[in-house]
Amino acid sequence: MRKKKQQPPRPRTMASLDRFEDELAVLIVDGREQTRRREELPPGVREGDVLDLETLTVDPEATERLRAEVRQAREQAMKNKAPPPGDFDL
């Protein structure tokens, strides 16, 4: 009897939550926007969270990696630049 070859695990489809628009959540999947009803997402999900689309759960490690990348890109973009004039915070 031949032993079946094990298939490598299928890569998970991940999405980052870009924003909420009323009752819709706008997700970024492979660089493209995709919408889901807000109620389909897990409670407490926030903009910037990374979701596994198969299980609709937040991936905390991927979320932290994405946030670190964004922080680093923001710091690099602001390097050697004067802050904007005025008395406000973004």
C-alpha atoms as a PDB file:
ATOM      1  CA  MET A   1       0.000   0.000   0.000  1.00  0.00           C
ATOM      2  CA  ARG A   2       1.339   3.413  -0.964  1.00  0.00           C
ATOM      3  CA  LYS A   3       1.550   6.135   1.546  1.00  0.00           C
ATOM      4  CA  LYS A   4      -0.128   9.341   0.469  1.00  0.00           C
ATOM      5  CA  LYS A   5       2.096  12.348   0.098  1.00  0.00           C
ATOM      6  CA  GLN A   6       1.230  14.952   2.644  1.00  0.00           C
ATOM      7  CA  GLN A   7       0.302  18.248   1.105  1.00  0.00           C
ATOM      8  CA  PRO A   8       2.046  21.284   2.555  1.00  0.00           C
ATOM      9  CA  PRO A   9      -0.274  23.430   4.607  1.00  0.00           C
ATOM     10  CA  ARG A  10      -2.148  25.959   2.532  1.00  0.00           C
ATOM     11  CA  PRO A  11      -1.096  29.544   3.259  1.00  0.00           C
ATOM     12  CA  ARG A  12      -3.679  31.438   5.225  1.00  0.00           C
ATOM     13  CA  THR A  13      -5.402  34.391   3.612  1.00  0.00           C
ATOM     14  CA  MET A  14      -4.748  37.406   5.785  1.00  0.00           C
ATOM     15  CA  ALA A  15      -6.271  40.869   5.677  1.00  0.00           C
ATOM     16  CA  SER A  16      -5.617  44.096   7.512  1.00  0.00           C
ATOM     17  CA  LEU A  17      -8.563  46.117   8.733  1.00  0.00           C
ATOM     18  CA  ASP A  18      -8.144  49.509   7.073  1.00  0.00           C
ATOM     19  CA  ARG A  19     -11.231  51.323   8.293  1.00  0.00           C
ATOM     20  CA  PHE A  20     -14.904  51.188   9.146  1.00  0.00           C
ATOM     21  CA  GLU A  21     -17.500  52.886   6.958  1.00  0.00           C
ATOM     22  CA  ASP A  22     -20.824  52.816   8.788  1.00  0.00           C
ATOM     23  CA  GLU A  23     -21.728  49.118   9.045  1.00  0.00           C
ATOM     24  CA  LEU A  24     -18.993  47.970   6.657  1.00  0.00           C
ATOM     25  CA  ALA A  25     -15.403  47.034   7.420  1.00  0.00           C
ATOM     26  CA  VAL A  26     -12.902  47.797   4.669  1.00  0.00           C
ATOM     27  CA  LEU A  27     -10.180  45.158   4.570  1.00  0.00           C
ATOM     28  CA  ILE A  28      -6.970  45.141   2.558  1.00  0.00           C
ATOM     29  CA  VAL A  29      -6.340  41.721   1.028  1.00  0.00           C
ATOM     30  CA  ASP A  30      -3.305  41.325  -1.241  1.00  0.00           C
ATOM     31  CA  GLY A  31      -3.265  45.078  -1.846  1.00  0.00           C
ATOM     32  CA  ARG A  32      -6.955  45.276  -2.777  1.00  0.00           C
ATOM     33  CA  GLU A  33      -9.910  46.555  -0.824  1.00  0.00           C
ATOM     34  CA  GLN A  34     -12.583  44.101   0.193  1.00  0.00           C
ATOM     35  CA  THR A  35     -15.607  44.814   2.361  1.00  0.00           C
ATOM     36  CA  ARG A  36     -17.328  42.709   4.986  1.00  0.00           C
ATOM     37  CA  ARG A  37     -20.223  43.481   7.223  1.00  0.00           C
ATOM     38  CA  ARG A  38     -18.939  44.834  10.510  1.00  0.00           C
ATOM     39  CA  GLU A  39     -21.034  42.309  12.414  1.00  0.00           C
ATOM     40  CA  GLU A  40     -19.099  39.422  10.780  1.00  0.00           C
ATOM     41  CA  LEU A  41     -15.865  40.495  12.481  1.00  0.00           C
ATOM     42  CA  PRO A  42     -14.898  39.513  16.021  1.00  0.00           C
ATOM     43  CA  PRO A  43     -15.926  41.827  18.861  1.00  0.00           C
ATOM     44  CA  GLY A  44     -13.315  44.433  19.742  1.00  0.00           C
ATOM     45  CA  VAL A  45     -11.533  44.317  16.388  1.00  0.00           C
ATOM     46  CA  ARG A  46      -9.777  47.617  15.619  1.00  0.00           C
ATOM     47  CA  GLU A  47      -8.431  49.418  12.602  1.00  0.00           C
ATOM     48  CA  GLY A  48      -4.928  48.107  11.915  1.00  0.00           C
ATOM     49  CA  ASP A  49      -5.662  44.585  13.182  1.00  0.00           C
ATOM     50  CA  VAL A  50      -4.654  41.667  10.958  1.00  0.00           C
ATOM     51  CA  LEU A  51      -7.340  39.025  10.464  1.00  0.00           C
ATOM     52  CA  ASP A  52      -7.221  35.439   9.289  1.00  0.00           C
ATOM     53  CA  LEU A  53     -10.043  35.402   6.724  1.00  0.00           C
ATOM     54  CA  GLU A  54     -10.737  31.687   7.096  1.00  0.00           C
ATOM     55  CA  THR A  55     -11.387  31.835  10.829  1.00  0.00           C
ATOM     56  CA  LEU A  56     -12.178  35.574  11.096  1.00  0.00           C
ATOM     57  CA  THR A  57      -9.911  35.878  14.105  1.00  0.00           C
ATOM     58  CA  VAL A  58      -7.304  38.496  14.906  1.00  0.00           C
ATOM     59  CA  ASP A  59      -3.707  37.350  14.528  1.00  0.00           C
ATOM     60  CA  PRO A  60      -1.941  39.253  17.344  1.00  0.00           C
ATOM     61  CA  GLU A  61       1.591  38.482  16.118  1.00  0.00           C
ATOM     62  CA  ALA A  62       0.863  39.621  12.552  1.00  0.00           C
ATOM     63  CA  THR A  63      -0.898  42.712  13.915  1.00  0.00           C
ATOM     64  CA  GLU A  64       2.140  43.672  15.974  1.00  0.00           C
ATOM     65  CA  ARG A  65       4.474  43.086  13.014  1.00  0.00           C
ATOM     66  CA  LEU A  66       2.312  45.342  10.820  1.00  0.00           C
ATOM     67  CA  ARG A  67       2.178  48.063  13.486  1.00  0.00           C
ATOM     68  CA  ALA A  68       5.976  47.902  13.879  1.00  0.00           C
ATOM     69  CA  GLU A  69       6.410  48.233  10.095  1.00  0.00           C
ATOM     70  CA  VAL A  70       4.095  51.255  10.039  1.00  0.00           C
ATOM     71  CA  ARG A  71       5.931  52.872  12.976  1.00  0.00           C
ATOM     72  CA  GLN A  72       9.268  52.329  11.283  1.00  0.00           C
ATOM     73  CA  ALA A  73       8.015  53.726   7.962  1.00  0.00           C
ATOM     74  CA  ARG A  74       6.560  56.775   9.744  1.00  0.00           C
ATOM     75  CA  GLU A  75       9.834  57.394  11.609  1.00  0.00           C
ATOM     76  CA  GLN A  76      11.825  57.037   8.389  1.00  0.00           C
ATOM     77  CA  ALA A  77       9.491  59.430   6.558  1.00  0.00           C
ATOM     78  CA  MET A  78       9.808  62.030   9.332  1.00  0.00           C
ATOM     79  CA  LYS A  79      13.589  61.685   9.667  1.00  0.00           C
ATOM     80  CA  ASN A  80      15.297  65.058   9.264  1.00  0.00           C
ATOM     81  CA  LYS A  81      11.978  66.846   8.735  1.00  0.00           C
ATOM     82  CA  ALA A  82      10.732  69.686  10.880  1.00  0.00           C
ATOM     83  CA  PRO A  83       7.386  69.081  12.573  1.00  0.00           C
ATOM     84  CA  PRO A  84       4.457  70.965  11.013  1.00  0.00           C
ATOM     85  CA  PRO A  85       3.729  74.387  12.515  1.00  0.00           C
ATOM     86  CA  GLY A  86       0.876  74.748  14.956  1.00  0.00           C
ATOM     87  CA  ASP A  87      -0.273  73.320  18.230  1.00  0.00           C
ATOM     88  CA  PHE A  88      -1.967  70.049  17.389  1.00  0.00           C
ATOM     89  CA  ASP A  89      -1.391  66.331  17.589  1.00  0.00           C
ATOM     90  CA  LEU A  90      -2.213  63.718  14.962  1.00  0.00           C
END
